[in-house]
Every structure is written in structure tokens, then in C-alpha cells.
Amino acid sequence: MSNGWVLPDEVLRDAPTYTPRPGELADLELLLTGAYAPLTGFMTRADLVSVSRRGRLVDGAPWPVAVTLQVPTTLAQGLDLHDPDRRTLVLTDGEGAPVAALEVADAWQVRDGVAGVGGAVRQLGDGGHGPFQRLRRPPEEIRAMLPPGRVLGVVADRPLHRPQLAQIAHAVRTLSAHLLIMIPVGEDGTGGLSPEALVRGVFAARDRMPPATLVAVPFSRRRDEISDALLRARVSAAYGVTHLLSTGEMLSGAGLRVLVPRELAYDNRDGQWRWREDIPPRNRRLALTQAEVDDLLDRGFPLPEWHTPPAVAKELTRARPPRRHRGLVVFLTGLSGSGKSTVARGLADSLREQGERTVTLLDGDVVRRELTAGLGFSRADRDTNVRRIGWVAAEIARHRGIAICCPIAPYAQARAIAREMAVAAGAGFVLVHVATPLQVCEQRDRKGLYARARAGLLTGMTGIDDPYEEPTDADLVLDTTDVAVDEAVHAVLHQLTETGWVEPPRAAL
């Protein structure tokens, strides 16, 4: 049974469809549930200008940051804003299921190939699907569940360890407030944890909290912390929060009072967490930093019980196993003839001999035949090629295999997207720049490509008439000019071993 709005069949049948990016889908869900009230849709140009100049929408309602939707220019050009039957855009989720209808009231050029569209949105169908949907309750429903009086909101964007739990308990006692825990689930997670793992980790600490209401909220991340903080405060107020506990750089907004907790430390005299200044230095143990927690998990060491409740530690260990048991993408990039494919094959052979994890080699030429046939060598097609490789590699790594990729991948942005996909999958990403000079690659020219390019018979040849953007973020740089294949493979294996991604090689059989 559907609770959503149903478009006339003829409009739904003929309306174009578009799948927004993850952050835009999160914004869409908050719009549909009323968490962004008084906003009822994506902003128009007039609202964007008004918000940037005076922090208010055109109608005068206060609003902190831009909430926008960008689509391909060709899609926007196909709409007729003056015809009610031809200005509807159906927005779908990642699987292509209709989620909402956008009545486009304004469209404008943002940059080459990209347009902004604004207008009211209305829900289609039954709403979203996926893990923990029962926790993604709308603000109106949550407000009806809360007791009268003060409500302390906590945005739990990280698992809650003992110092955070002690800060929360103290704030609840001080305010005599009810506790509302808001768990961000809008995008691919933070700190190497998926949204599902974060929900499990927060729930694992529930018996250490005061009485609380927990809700999953599709917060989307902005480009800067100030916008994030302002928007989170606004959404928190929509859920009934009166006071917000700061978990970082948190600004006040939406009429909320923000509490900034004092730093706590562990008192080894009686095992309690107290204000740091109240504990003698010899008895004081500071909380672990996030980097220290991650390092312990990466190396497979247990999280200390004085710092992390055992149930939380168990969930974190499940979600972030030691590096040697986690999925990994090894991404080799370099010019044609640099030796990256040869090194990749040797690396794959060595890792298969060890037998720790499944190993998949995504060779550039094979991928071009099997995965990206039909793509050319324009910048857009090259980026699409690398993006597809990155997606397949991330899925392999998501299931704790090792994916070895060796495309040319000449553009930094495409390589960065491949890295983001791997990290979002909870995997590692090691970028190897095979930095063999162009003149050496031309001398090798096993495929004759450079000779054809120099003769004018081939265009778009990386290094000749198409640029190669050298990585500035490579984890390892190799020049195979005077290096044997075995030495180059050993260098990559040494890097993986030293950083904990693979076990030291066994003695040769």
C-alpha cells in the first residue's frame, strides 16, 4: 500500500528520470520527511541568492545553507518550465526506483554540462528501502515520542567510547533532559565504517547510556564544517532537540543551545572518568585519539576495556578487522610501457602463492575488452573507464579480496574517485605510481603506439598529445628503467607488508 503521492500515469510515463548523487539523495529524504522545514524542495536561484546574502529564504524564513540539486544540462534543457505536464522530473534511488517528483520551477547553468534545478518535491510510492529503515523515522513521529521538557541531542557520527558516554551522562544529569541520539546514515559512512556498522556500534553502547531515543538521520556532508554544523543544528531542532552536545566544531543555530563538554580523563584510582584537571597527573590517563583507535584496529590489537566497552569493541573489530584480513585495492598508474602491467602480474602471482585472500587482476587492456568496450579515449571516456574499474575493484575489496588494477589513469580526479570508492567499501587503497620516464617508455613501445602517435597516425596518446597528471598522493613511486621485474614486485610487496596489508612472505616452497 502506498502512502506517497501518485502522479497521473501519462505524466509519470513521459517524465524524465534522474538519480541524484548520495548527498543529494540524503537532502531529498530530509526534505520529504519535513526535517528541512520550511523548505519544501530544492532551492531556486532566488532562494540561493537570498540565503547567501542575508541567511533567509525569499519569503523571509531563516535558513542557513544551500540545498541544491544538479543535473546534466541536456536533461534540464528537455524540460518546459511553462508546461505543468513537461516540467516534472522523477528522482530515483540508486537502484532506479522512483522516490520523488520534482516540479521544476527554475533551471540555470552551473558549469559546462551541469545545470541547477529547483522546485518543490513530493514523495512517490512507499519511500526508501534498506538496512535499519525502522530507525529512519520522520521528525514528527520522533517529536510525538519525546517526553515534555528538555531534550539533549547528540549527533553520534563516531562510535561512543567511555569518555563520550561519560560526557553524555553528565550533560543529561545537568540538564535533567531526555537523550536523543541521532546516527548519521546519509552517505557512505565515516572513519572507514559503513552506516550500518556505525548504527550497530552505537546500539552496542546503549546499555551504558541514560534512557534514550535513537534515530537514524540521513545527514549529508557539506564542503565545510560550518555549513555542516549549522545544518545539523537545524535538523536537530526539527527532531525536537532543545540542547545539542558538541562533538567537535559545533555552532549554535535554529535556536538551540550548544553544550561544549570539558575534556575528561580516566582516573586509575577508581576507574572513573572525570574532568582532566581534577585528577592528579600520576593517576591520569587521557582518552585515545581516533588515530590511536584506528591504529589498534588496523594492527589487530584489542581496544582497552578502560576506554571502550567490550560490546562496542566487538562491533568495531567486526566492522574494521586488521588490515591483513581486510579488502585491498592496489592501483598502479603510469604511462603506456612504464611496466605497470608487468609489475601487476608479478604482484598477483606472488600474492596468489601466499594464498591469504582471493586476488583479482584488472589489467587495463583486458578491462577495455571485457568491461569498457565501446569507450574511446576522450577525457570523459577515460574517466568512465577508471570509474568502472574503481567500482569493480571496490566491490572485490568489500568482500575482503585483493584487487590489482593497472590502467594508465592519467587524471588525478578519476584516481581520487577510485580511492574514495575503496575507502567507502571499508577497504584499503594503495596507489603505486610507476614513474618510468616517457623516453624509456617510447624505447620499449611494445605495441607500437608511440611510433604511430609520433607519425600522426594516432591521437589522444597519453604523454604525446594528451596529458598525464603525475600523482602527488602516491604511496609508492617506482621507476622501472633499470629495475628488474622481481625487484619492482618486491618493492610493492615490501610496501604492503610494512603497512600491514599483507603478512610477510613465507619461505619459498
Foldseek 3Di string as FASTA:
>chain_A
DWPFDDDPPVLVVPAAEDEFDLLLVLVVVCLALVLQPPDQKADAPQQQVCCVPPQAGPVRHHHHHHRWTKDFPVNCVQADLVDQSRQWYFYAYPVRHTFKIFRWNHKADDDVGMIITMGGITGDTHHDDDPPPVQAHGLVVLQVVADDDAEEEEEPLDQDKQQNQVQQQVVCVVRVHEYEYEYAQRDLGPPLFGSVLSVQLNVLCVVSHDHHHYHYRHRRDDPDPASSQQSVQSSCVSNPHQEYEDPDPHDHYPNHHYHDDAAWWAFQVVLDIDHQVVHPPVRTHHADDSVRVLVCQQQQHFDDCSIGPPSSSVSVCVRQHHLQQAFEEEEEAAAQQLCLVVLLVVLQVQVVVQVSFAEAEAEAVVCCVPPLPPFDQDPVSLLVSLLSLLQVSLVCRLVRHYYYYYDNSQDPVSVVNSQVSNSSSSHYYAYEYSYADPVLSVVPCVVVPVVCVVVVNDPNRDPRHHDGDGDPPHLYYHGCSPPDSVRSNVVVVVSCCVSRNHPPRDDDD
